[in-house]
């Protein structure tokens, strides 16, 4: 399931959120799939398929509150700078990349997390991928306030 994440380039419509915490803390929290139910509203639970700390190749299953469960895998990790995952469902492949940068807002030091989401459909499903990309970006935007609060917790 491993694929390159290097082609993911953020655009102006990709959402970002400021987290009032150091980049190392924010990255370590968000890179661990076990924390996802704390900030991802659509997620009921995460089932790890691989033990150990987060790393490239680590797999897990997202069990959604509504809809099918699906397997994801970490496909890229540059500690404290970039984290990327890929998941598959039918003819669709979803890619999520988080980019981390130091930022100061209103005199407070923290981290800007930019989340790039893309869904690619194979062959006839290509248009479905475009619609799914928009839907996924909307879901991410809904989760941003929860993400910022959860990642900033002591």
N, C-alpha and C. Protein backbone atom coordinates (compact mmCIF):
# COMPACT_ATOMS: atom_id res chain seq x y z
N UNK A 1 0.82 -1.19 0.00
CA UNK A 1 0.00 0.00 0.00
C UNK A 1 0.87 1.25 0.00
N UNK A 2 2.14 1.16 0.12
CA UNK A 2 3.02 2.32 0.19
C UNK A 2 3.05 3.05 -1.14
N UNK A 3 2.94 4.39 -1.08
CA UNK A 3 3.03 5.24 -2.26
C UNK A 3 3.78 6.50 -1.90
N UNK A 4 4.28 7.17 -2.90
CA UNK A 4 5.01 8.42 -2.68
C UNK A 4 4.04 9.53 -2.28
N UNK A 5 4.45 10.34 -1.36
CA UNK A 5 3.66 11.50 -0.96
C UNK A 5 4.28 12.78 -1.48
N UNK A 6 5.39 12.68 -2.18
CA UNK A 6 6.13 13.85 -2.61
C UNK A 6 5.39 14.75 -3.56
N UNK A 7 4.40 14.24 -4.29
CA UNK A 7 3.67 15.05 -5.26
C UNK A 7 2.60 15.91 -4.59
N UNK A 8 2.38 15.77 -3.30
CA UNK A 8 1.35 16.55 -2.62
C UNK A 8 1.87 17.97 -2.41
N UNK A 9 1.21 18.90 -3.04
CA UNK A 9 1.59 20.30 -2.94
C UNK A 9 0.40 21.07 -2.38
N UNK A 10 0.58 21.80 -1.28
CA UNK A 10 -0.55 22.53 -0.72
C UNK A 10 -1.00 23.64 -1.66
N UNK A 11 -2.27 23.92 -1.62
CA UNK A 11 -2.84 25.02 -2.39
C UNK A 11 -3.54 25.97 -1.43
N UNK A 12 -3.99 27.08 -1.94
CA UNK A 12 -4.59 28.10 -1.06
C UNK A 12 -5.88 27.63 -0.41
N UNK A 13 -6.55 26.63 -0.96
CA UNK A 13 -7.80 26.17 -0.35
C UNK A 13 -7.59 25.06 0.68
N UNK A 14 -6.37 24.57 0.83
CA UNK A 14 -6.12 23.56 1.85
C UNK A 14 -6.15 24.21 3.22
N UNK A 15 -6.91 23.63 4.15
CA UNK A 15 -7.07 24.26 5.46
C UNK A 15 -5.81 24.20 6.32
N UNK A 16 -5.72 25.16 7.22
CA UNK A 16 -4.63 25.21 8.20
C UNK A 16 -5.22 25.65 9.53
N UNK A 17 -4.53 25.29 10.59
CA UNK A 17 -4.97 25.67 11.93
C UNK A 17 -3.75 26.01 12.78
N UNK A 18 -3.92 26.99 13.65
CA UNK A 18 -2.88 27.36 14.60
C UNK A 18 -3.11 26.59 15.88
N UNK A 19 -2.06 25.95 16.39
CA UNK A 19 -2.12 25.22 17.65
C UNK A 19 -1.15 25.90 18.61
N UNK A 20 -1.66 26.28 19.76
CA UNK A 20 -0.86 26.99 20.75
C UNK A 20 0.01 26.01 21.54
N UNK A 21 0.96 25.41 20.84
CA UNK A 21 1.88 24.45 21.44
C UNK A 21 3.09 24.32 20.53
N UNK A 22 4.23 23.88 21.08
CA UNK A 22 5.44 23.71 20.26
C UNK A 22 5.25 22.65 19.16
N UNK A 23 5.95 22.84 18.07
CA UNK A 23 5.83 21.96 16.91
C UNK A 23 6.13 20.50 17.27
N UNK A 24 7.15 20.24 18.09
CA UNK A 24 7.47 18.85 18.43
C UNK A 24 6.30 18.17 19.13
N UNK A 25 5.66 18.87 20.05
CA UNK A 25 4.53 18.32 20.79
C UNK A 25 3.34 18.07 19.86
N UNK A 26 3.05 19.04 19.00
CA UNK A 26 1.92 18.93 18.08
C UNK A 26 2.15 17.78 17.10
N UNK A 27 3.34 17.70 16.53
CA UNK A 27 3.65 16.62 15.60
C UNK A 27 3.51 15.26 16.27
N UNK A 28 4.13 15.10 17.44
CA UNK A 28 4.10 13.80 18.12
C UNK A 28 2.67 13.37 18.43
N UNK A 29 1.82 14.32 18.78
CA UNK A 29 0.41 14.01 19.08
C UNK A 29 -0.34 13.60 17.80
N UNK A 30 -0.24 14.41 16.75
CA UNK A 30 -1.00 14.15 15.54
C UNK A 30 -0.46 12.98 14.73
N UNK A 31 0.82 12.65 14.86
CA UNK A 31 1.40 11.54 14.11
C UNK A 31 0.96 10.18 14.64
N UNK A 32 0.38 10.14 15.82
CA UNK A 32 -0.02 8.88 16.44
C UNK A 32 -1.51 8.63 16.17
N UNK A 33 -1.83 7.64 15.33
CA UNK A 33 -3.24 7.38 15.00
C UNK A 33 -4.12 7.10 16.20
N UNK A 34 -3.55 6.66 17.30
CA UNK A 34 -4.35 6.35 18.50
C UNK A 34 -5.06 7.58 19.05
N UNK A 35 -4.56 8.77 18.74
CA UNK A 35 -5.18 10.01 19.24
C UNK A 35 -6.34 10.51 18.38
N UNK A 36 -6.51 9.96 17.20
CA UNK A 36 -7.48 10.49 16.25
C UNK A 36 -8.91 10.60 16.77
N UNK A 37 -9.42 9.61 17.51
CA UNK A 37 -10.80 9.76 18.00
C UNK A 37 -11.00 10.97 18.93
N UNK A 38 -9.92 11.49 19.49
CA UNK A 38 -10.01 12.65 20.37
C UNK A 38 -10.31 13.93 19.61
N UNK A 39 -10.00 13.98 18.31
CA UNK A 39 -10.21 15.22 17.56
C UNK A 39 -10.96 15.03 16.25
N UNK A 40 -11.12 13.82 15.77
CA UNK A 40 -11.81 13.58 14.51
C UNK A 40 -13.25 13.16 14.80
N UNK A 41 -14.19 14.05 14.55
CA UNK A 41 -15.59 13.85 14.93
C UNK A 41 -16.23 12.62 14.28
N UNK A 42 -15.84 12.27 13.07
CA UNK A 42 -16.46 11.15 12.36
C UNK A 42 -15.94 9.79 12.79
N UNK A 43 -14.95 9.79 13.67
CA UNK A 43 -14.25 8.55 14.02
C UNK A 43 -14.73 8.01 15.36
N UNK A 44 -15.11 6.74 15.36
CA UNK A 44 -15.53 6.08 16.59
C UNK A 44 -14.32 5.52 17.34
N UNK A 45 -13.47 4.80 16.60
CA UNK A 45 -12.28 4.21 17.22
C UNK A 45 -11.25 3.85 16.16
N UNK A 46 -10.03 3.62 16.63
CA UNK A 46 -8.92 3.20 15.78
C UNK A 46 -8.46 1.82 16.25
N UNK A 47 -8.26 0.93 15.30
CA UNK A 47 -7.75 -0.41 15.59
C UNK A 47 -6.38 -0.53 14.95
N UNK A 48 -5.35 -0.58 15.77
CA UNK A 48 -3.99 -0.71 15.24
C UNK A 48 -3.77 -2.10 14.67
N UNK A 49 -3.14 -2.15 13.49
CA UNK A 49 -2.77 -3.42 12.88
C UNK A 49 -1.30 -3.72 13.11
N UNK A 50 -0.54 -2.69 13.49
CA UNK A 50 0.89 -2.83 13.77
C UNK A 50 1.18 -2.22 15.13
N UNK A 51 1.96 -2.91 15.94
CA UNK A 51 2.35 -2.42 17.25
C UNK A 51 3.53 -1.46 17.14
N UNK A 52 3.77 -0.75 18.22
CA UNK A 52 4.94 0.11 18.30
C UNK A 52 4.61 1.57 18.02
N UNK A 53 5.65 2.39 18.02
CA UNK A 53 5.45 3.82 17.80
C UNK A 53 5.11 4.12 16.34
N UNK A 54 4.51 5.28 16.08
CA UNK A 54 4.20 5.67 14.70
C UNK A 54 5.47 5.67 13.84
N UNK A 55 5.34 5.12 12.62
CA UNK A 55 6.48 5.04 11.70
C UNK A 55 5.94 4.78 10.30
N UNK A 56 6.75 5.02 9.31
CA UNK A 56 6.36 4.73 7.94
C UNK A 56 6.06 3.24 7.83
N UNK A 57 4.93 2.93 7.24
CA UNK A 57 4.48 1.54 7.10
C UNK A 57 3.45 1.12 8.13
N UNK A 58 3.33 1.87 9.23
CA UNK A 58 2.36 1.52 10.28
C UNK A 58 0.95 1.58 9.69
N UNK A 59 0.14 0.53 10.02
CA UNK A 59 -1.22 0.44 9.51
C UNK A 59 -2.22 0.40 10.65
N UNK A 60 -3.44 0.87 10.34
CA UNK A 60 -4.53 0.84 11.30
C UNK A 60 -5.84 0.89 10.54
N UNK A 61 -6.93 0.64 11.26
CA UNK A 61 -8.26 0.71 10.68
C UNK A 61 -9.03 1.82 11.39
N UNK A 62 -9.58 2.73 10.61
CA UNK A 62 -10.49 3.75 11.15
C UNK A 62 -11.90 3.16 11.14
N UNK A 63 -12.52 3.12 12.31
CA UNK A 63 -13.91 2.71 12.43
C UNK A 63 -14.73 3.98 12.60
N UNK A 64 -15.50 4.32 11.57
CA UNK A 64 -16.28 5.55 11.56
C UNK A 64 -17.56 5.39 12.36
N UNK A 65 -18.11 6.50 12.84
CA UNK A 65 -19.39 6.46 13.53
C UNK A 65 -20.51 6.09 12.56
N UNK A 66 -20.37 6.52 11.31
CA UNK A 66 -21.32 6.18 10.25
C UNK A 66 -20.51 5.87 9.00
N UNK A 67 -20.78 4.75 8.37
CA UNK A 67 -20.09 4.41 7.14
C UNK A 67 -19.12 3.27 7.33
N UNK A 68 -18.47 2.88 6.23
CA UNK A 68 -17.58 1.72 6.27
C UNK A 68 -16.26 2.03 6.98
N UNK A 69 -15.67 0.99 7.53
CA UNK A 69 -14.32 1.10 8.10
C UNK A 69 -13.33 0.96 6.96
N UNK A 70 -12.14 1.54 7.14
CA UNK A 70 -11.14 1.38 6.10
C UNK A 70 -9.75 1.43 6.69
N UNK A 71 -8.83 0.77 5.98
CA UNK A 71 -7.45 0.67 6.42
C UNK A 71 -6.64 1.86 5.92
N UNK A 72 -5.76 2.36 6.79
CA UNK A 72 -4.85 3.44 6.44
C UNK A 72 -3.43 3.03 6.78
N UNK A 73 -2.50 3.76 6.20
CA UNK A 73 -1.08 3.47 6.44
C UNK A 73 -0.29 4.77 6.39
N UNK A 74 0.68 4.89 7.29
CA UNK A 74 1.60 6.03 7.24
C UNK A 74 2.54 5.79 6.07
N UNK A 75 2.58 6.76 5.14
CA UNK A 75 3.43 6.61 3.95
C UNK A 75 4.58 7.62 3.94
N UNK A 76 4.57 8.55 4.87
CA UNK A 76 5.66 9.52 4.93
C UNK A 76 5.74 10.15 6.30
N UNK A 77 6.96 10.33 6.77
CA UNK A 77 7.16 10.92 8.08
C UNK A 77 8.52 11.59 8.11
N UNK A 78 8.51 12.89 8.24
CA UNK A 78 9.72 13.66 8.46
C UNK A 78 9.50 14.38 9.79
N UNK A 79 10.01 13.80 10.88
CA UNK A 79 9.66 14.28 12.22
C UNK A 79 9.66 15.80 12.36
N UNK A 80 8.52 16.25 12.86
CA UNK A 80 8.24 17.63 13.21
C UNK A 80 8.04 18.54 12.00
N UNK A 81 8.07 17.98 10.78
CA UNK A 81 7.87 18.77 9.57
C UNK A 81 6.70 18.26 8.71
N UNK A 82 6.61 16.94 8.53
CA UNK A 82 5.64 16.38 7.59
C UNK A 82 5.22 14.99 8.05
N UNK A 83 3.91 14.70 7.85
CA UNK A 83 3.37 13.38 8.14
C UNK A 83 2.34 13.10 7.05
N UNK A 84 2.34 11.88 6.48
CA UNK A 84 1.43 11.57 5.39
C UNK A 84 0.86 10.16 5.55
N UNK A 85 -0.39 10.01 5.12
CA UNK A 85 -1.08 8.72 5.17
C UNK A 85 -1.79 8.47 3.85
N UNK A 86 -2.11 7.21 3.63
CA UNK A 86 -2.94 6.82 2.50
C UNK A 86 -3.92 5.77 2.95
N UNK A 87 -5.14 5.86 2.42
CA UNK A 87 -6.15 4.85 2.67
C UNK A 87 -6.85 4.49 1.38
N UNK A 88 -7.41 3.30 1.34
CA UNK A 88 -8.15 2.84 0.16
C UNK A 88 -9.55 2.42 0.55
N UNK A 89 -10.46 2.73 -0.36
CA UNK A 89 -11.81 2.20 -0.24
C UNK A 89 -12.33 2.04 -1.66
N UNK A 90 -12.56 0.81 -2.06
CA UNK A 90 -12.98 0.53 -3.43
C UNK A 90 -11.98 1.09 -4.43
N UNK A 91 -12.47 1.82 -5.44
CA UNK A 91 -11.58 2.36 -6.47
C UNK A 91 -10.93 3.70 -6.07
N UNK A 92 -11.12 4.11 -4.82
CA UNK A 92 -10.61 5.41 -4.37
C UNK A 92 -9.40 5.23 -3.46
N UNK A 93 -8.44 6.14 -3.61
CA UNK A 93 -7.30 6.23 -2.69
C UNK A 93 -7.29 7.64 -2.12
N UNK A 94 -7.27 7.73 -0.81
CA UNK A 94 -7.25 9.02 -0.13
C UNK A 94 -5.87 9.27 0.45
N UNK A 95 -5.37 10.47 0.23
CA UNK A 95 -4.07 10.88 0.74
C UNK A 95 -4.27 12.09 1.65
N UNK A 96 -3.68 12.05 2.83
CA UNK A 96 -3.71 13.18 3.74
C UNK A 96 -2.27 13.46 4.15
N UNK A 97 -1.87 14.71 4.01
CA UNK A 97 -0.53 15.15 4.41
C UNK A 97 -0.68 16.31 5.37
N UNK A 98 0.04 16.26 6.48
CA UNK A 98 0.07 17.37 7.42
C UNK A 98 1.46 17.99 7.39
N UNK A 99 1.50 19.30 7.21
CA UNK A 99 2.75 20.06 7.19
C UNK A 99 2.79 20.92 8.44
N UNK A 100 3.91 20.94 9.13
CA UNK A 100 4.05 21.63 10.42
C UNK A 100 5.08 22.75 10.30
N UNK A 101 4.70 23.96 10.78
CA UNK A 101 5.62 25.10 10.76
C UNK A 101 5.45 25.89 12.06
N UNK A 102 6.57 26.42 12.55
CA UNK A 102 6.50 27.31 13.70
C UNK A 102 5.76 28.58 13.27
N UNK A 103 4.96 29.12 14.18
CA UNK A 103 4.22 30.34 13.88
C UNK A 103 3.96 31.11 15.17
N UNK A 104 3.88 32.42 15.05
CA UNK A 104 3.51 33.27 16.18
C UNK A 104 2.23 34.00 15.80
N UNK A 105 1.22 33.91 16.66
CA UNK A 105 -0.06 34.61 16.44
C UNK A 105 -0.40 35.39 17.69
N UNK A 106 -0.66 36.65 17.49
CA UNK A 106 -1.01 37.54 18.61
C UNK A 106 -0.01 37.42 19.75
N UNK A 107 1.26 37.33 19.40
CA UNK A 107 2.33 37.26 20.38
C UNK A 107 2.53 35.90 21.02
N UNK A 108 1.76 34.89 20.60
CA UNK A 108 1.87 33.55 21.18
C UNK A 108 2.56 32.62 20.18
N UNK A 109 3.62 31.96 20.65
CA UNK A 109 4.33 31.00 19.80
C UNK A 109 3.55 29.69 19.74
N UNK A 110 3.54 29.08 18.57
CA UNK A 110 2.83 27.82 18.40
C UNK A 110 3.20 27.18 17.08
N UNK A 111 2.25 26.43 16.55
CA UNK A 111 2.47 25.65 15.34
C UNK A 111 1.33 25.84 14.37
N UNK A 112 1.66 26.06 13.12
CA UNK A 112 0.66 26.05 12.05
C UNK A 112 0.68 24.66 11.43
N UNK A 113 -0.50 24.03 11.40
CA UNK A 113 -0.63 22.72 10.78
C UNK A 113 -1.48 22.90 9.52
N UNK A 114 -0.90 22.65 8.36
CA UNK A 114 -1.63 22.70 7.09
C UNK A 114 -1.94 21.27 6.70
N UNK A 115 -3.21 21.03 6.35
CA UNK A 115 -3.66 19.68 6.03
C UNK A 115 -4.07 19.63 4.56
N UNK A 116 -3.35 18.82 3.82
CA UNK A 116 -3.58 18.66 2.39
C UNK A 116 -4.30 17.33 2.18
N UNK A 117 -5.48 17.38 1.58
CA UNK A 117 -6.26 16.17 1.34
C UNK A 117 -6.52 16.02 -0.16
N UNK A 118 -6.32 14.82 -0.66
CA UNK A 118 -6.60 14.52 -2.06
C UNK A 118 -7.16 13.11 -2.14
N UNK A 119 -8.18 12.93 -2.95
CA UNK A 119 -8.74 11.61 -3.21
C UNK A 119 -8.63 11.37 -4.70
N UNK A 120 -8.07 10.24 -5.05
CA UNK A 120 -7.91 9.89 -6.47
C UNK A 120 -8.76 8.67 -6.78
N UNK A 121 -9.50 8.79 -7.86
CA UNK A 121 -10.32 7.68 -8.33
C UNK A 121 -9.68 7.02 -9.53
N UNK A 122 -9.78 5.72 -9.60
CA UNK A 122 -9.25 4.98 -10.74
C UNK A 122 -10.27 4.97 -11.87
N UNK A 123 -9.82 5.22 -13.06
CA UNK A 123 -10.60 5.13 -14.30
C UNK A 123 -11.92 5.86 -14.21
N UNK A 124 -13.04 5.12 -14.24
CA UNK A 124 -14.35 5.76 -14.24
C UNK A 124 -14.67 6.47 -12.93
N UNK A 125 -13.95 6.14 -11.88
CA UNK A 125 -14.17 6.76 -10.57
C UNK A 125 -13.42 8.08 -10.42
N UNK A 126 -12.71 8.51 -11.45
CA UNK A 126 -11.94 9.75 -11.36
C UNK A 126 -12.79 10.95 -10.92
N UNK A 127 -13.98 11.17 -11.51
CA UNK A 127 -14.81 12.30 -11.04
C UNK A 127 -15.26 12.14 -9.59
N UNK A 128 -15.45 10.90 -9.15
CA UNK A 128 -15.82 10.66 -7.76
C UNK A 128 -14.68 11.12 -6.85
N UNK A 129 -13.46 10.93 -7.28
CA UNK A 129 -12.31 11.38 -6.51
C UNK A 129 -12.31 12.88 -6.31
N UNK A 130 -12.69 13.63 -7.34
CA UNK A 130 -12.74 15.10 -7.21
C UNK A 130 -13.78 15.51 -6.18
N UNK A 131 -14.95 14.88 -6.25
CA UNK A 131 -16.02 15.21 -5.29
C UNK A 131 -15.60 14.78 -3.88
N UNK A 132 -14.99 13.61 -3.78
CA UNK A 132 -14.55 13.12 -2.47
C UNK A 132 -13.45 14.01 -1.88
N UNK A 133 -12.59 14.58 -2.72
CA UNK A 133 -11.57 15.51 -2.23
C UNK A 133 -12.23 16.72 -1.57
N UNK A 134 -13.25 17.27 -2.21
CA UNK A 134 -13.96 18.42 -1.64
C UNK A 134 -14.65 18.04 -0.34
N UNK A 135 -15.27 16.88 -0.30
CA UNK A 135 -15.96 16.42 0.92
C UNK A 135 -14.97 16.20 2.06
N UNK A 136 -13.84 15.59 1.75
CA UNK A 136 -12.82 15.33 2.77
C UNK A 136 -12.26 16.64 3.32
N UNK A 137 -12.01 17.60 2.44
CA UNK A 137 -11.51 18.91 2.89
C UNK A 137 -12.52 19.58 3.82
N UNK A 138 -13.81 19.44 3.52
CA UNK A 138 -14.85 20.02 4.38
C UNK A 138 -14.86 19.35 5.75
N UNK A 139 -14.75 18.02 5.77
CA UNK A 139 -14.71 17.30 7.05
C UNK A 139 -13.50 17.72 7.88
N UNK A 140 -12.36 17.91 7.24
CA UNK A 140 -11.16 18.36 7.95
C UNK A 140 -11.41 19.73 8.56
N UNK A 141 -12.02 20.64 7.81
CA UNK A 141 -12.30 21.99 8.33
C UNK A 141 -13.18 21.94 9.57
N UNK A 142 -14.14 21.03 9.58
CA UNK A 142 -15.02 20.88 10.74
C UNK A 142 -14.23 20.43 11.96
N UNK A 143 -13.22 19.60 11.75
CA UNK A 143 -12.42 19.05 12.86
C UNK A 143 -11.32 19.99 13.35
N UNK A 144 -11.00 21.05 12.62
CA UNK A 144 -9.85 21.88 12.99
C UNK A 144 -9.92 22.45 14.41
N UNK A 145 -11.05 23.00 14.86
CA UNK A 145 -11.07 23.51 16.25
C UNK A 145 -10.80 22.42 17.28
N UNK A 146 -11.36 21.24 17.07
CA UNK A 146 -11.12 20.12 18.00
C UNK A 146 -9.66 19.70 17.96
N UNK A 147 -9.09 19.65 16.76
CA UNK A 147 -7.69 19.30 16.60
C UNK A 147 -6.80 20.28 17.37
N UNK A 148 -7.07 21.57 17.21
CA UNK A 148 -6.24 22.59 17.88
C UNK A 148 -6.34 22.47 19.40
N UNK A 149 -7.53 22.24 19.92
CA UNK A 149 -7.69 22.10 21.38
C UNK A 149 -6.99 20.83 21.89
N UNK A 150 -7.21 19.71 21.20
CA UNK A 150 -6.65 18.43 21.65
C UNK A 150 -5.12 18.44 21.59
N UNK A 151 -4.56 18.96 20.51
CA UNK A 151 -3.10 18.95 20.34
C UNK A 151 -2.39 19.92 21.29
N UNK A 152 -3.12 20.90 21.81
CA UNK A 152 -2.52 21.89 22.73
C UNK A 152 -2.62 21.46 24.19
N UNK A 153 -3.35 20.39 24.49
CA UNK A 153 -3.51 19.95 25.88
C UNK A 153 -2.16 19.57 26.49
N UNK A 154 -2.01 19.89 27.79
CA UNK A 154 -0.75 19.53 28.46
C UNK A 154 -0.55 18.03 28.57
